[in-house]
Amino acid sequence: MRIRLRFFAILRERAGAAELTRELTGPTTVGEVWEALRRERPALAGFAGSIAFAVNREYVDSKTTVQDNDEVAFIPPVSGGYSRSCLKSSSSR
């Protein structure tokens, strides 16, 4: 079975590629694919519990089993926005 892997944002840099393909021999979960990638590409190791997964453009959990020709996406946490504490510190200046 063949799957296509896609990496977004900082994961693209850390993986050294925007896309990869993998041949799998049997039933495999998204979490197992991620763990194999972390072992293969140590630069991904720091993102252990913070990655979102998607299969065929739908968010899934790590226990989802991938199928032949699936596209599996790995999405890092997104930062931005503001917090009330930021507003307090900026208004007190």
Protein backbone atom coordinates (compact mmCIF):
# COMPACT_ATOMS: atom_id res chain seq x y z
CA MET A 1 0.00 0.00 0.00
CA ARG A 2 1.29 3.47 -0.87
CA ILE A 3 0.48 6.69 0.99
CA ARG A 4 1.44 10.30 0.37
CA LEU A 5 2.71 12.41 3.27
CA ARG A 6 2.44 16.19 3.38
CA PHE A 7 4.19 18.53 5.80
CA PHE A 8 3.10 22.06 6.60
CA ALA A 9 4.89 25.16 7.96
CA ILE A 10 7.90 24.40 10.17
CA LEU A 11 7.41 20.66 9.69
CA ARG A 12 8.24 21.10 6.01
CA GLU A 13 11.61 22.57 6.97
CA ARG A 14 12.29 19.96 9.63
CA ALA A 15 11.31 17.06 7.36
CA GLY A 16 13.41 18.45 4.53
CA ALA A 17 10.52 18.03 2.10
CA ALA A 18 6.99 19.24 1.49
CA GLU A 19 5.85 15.76 0.42
CA LEU A 20 7.03 12.18 0.69
CA THR A 21 5.58 8.81 -0.23
CA ARG A 22 5.72 5.64 1.82
CA GLU A 23 5.09 1.99 1.07
CA LEU A 24 3.37 0.20 3.94
CA THR A 25 3.05 -3.55 4.29
CA GLY A 26 -0.04 -3.82 6.47
CA PRO A 27 -2.59 -1.95 8.55
CA THR A 28 -0.93 1.16 9.95
CA THR A 29 -2.29 4.06 11.97
CA VAL A 30 -1.51 7.72 11.44
CA GLY A 31 0.24 7.71 14.82
CA GLU A 32 2.48 4.83 13.77
CA VAL A 33 3.40 6.68 10.57
CA TRP A 34 4.26 9.78 12.64
CA GLU A 35 6.40 7.77 15.09
CA ALA A 36 8.32 6.16 12.21
CA LEU A 37 8.95 9.61 10.71
CA ARG A 38 10.21 10.94 14.05
CA ARG A 39 12.71 8.08 14.26
CA GLU A 40 13.76 8.55 10.62
CA ARG A 41 14.03 12.34 10.82
CA PRO A 42 15.12 13.38 14.33
CA ALA A 43 14.44 17.06 13.60
CA LEU A 44 10.72 16.21 13.91
CA ALA A 45 11.12 14.72 17.41
CA GLY A 46 10.38 17.97 19.27
CA PHE A 47 6.81 18.06 17.97
CA ALA A 48 5.69 14.87 19.71
CA GLY A 49 2.33 15.77 21.28
CA SER A 50 1.43 18.91 19.40
CA ILE A 51 0.80 17.77 15.83
CA ALA A 52 -2.61 17.68 14.16
CA PHE A 53 -3.24 14.93 11.63
CA ALA A 54 -5.44 14.90 8.55
CA VAL A 55 -6.25 12.10 6.14
CA ASN A 56 -7.60 13.11 2.76
CA ARG A 57 -8.16 16.66 4.05
CA GLU A 58 -10.19 15.67 7.11
CA TYR A 59 -8.82 15.98 10.63
CA VAL A 60 -8.37 12.61 12.33
CA ASP A 61 -6.82 11.27 15.52
CA SER A 62 -3.64 9.24 15.74
CA LYS A 63 -5.56 5.94 15.88
CA THR A 64 -6.99 6.32 12.39
CA THR A 65 -5.85 3.55 10.04
CA VAL A 66 -4.55 4.69 6.67
CA GLN A 67 -5.63 3.10 3.40
CA ASP A 68 -3.96 2.70 0.02
CA ASN A 69 -3.52 6.04 -1.79
CA ASP A 70 -4.40 8.13 1.29
CA GLU A 71 -2.90 11.57 1.71
CA VAL A 72 -1.72 12.05 5.30
CA ALA A 73 -0.98 15.60 6.42
CA PHE A 74 1.01 16.67 9.47
CA ILE A 75 0.10 20.13 10.76
CA PRO A 76 2.05 21.92 13.51
CA PRO A 77 0.44 24.12 16.13
CA VAL A 78 -0.27 27.63 14.91
CA SER A 79 0.66 30.63 17.03
CA GLY A 80 -0.75 34.10 16.88
CA GLY A 81 -3.58 36.15 18.20
CA TYR A 82 -3.45 37.95 21.51
CA SER A 83 -4.19 37.33 25.13
CA ARG A 84 -5.71 39.61 27.74
CA SER A 85 -2.38 39.70 29.57
CA CYS A 86 -0.79 41.25 26.46
CA LEU A 87 -3.43 43.97 26.48
CA LYS A 88 -2.85 44.70 30.16
CA SER A 89 0.90 45.00 29.79
CA SER A 90 0.65 47.26 26.75
CA SER A 91 -1.98 49.55 28.31
CA SER A 92 0.08 50.04 31.48
CA ARG A 93 2.95 51.71 29.57
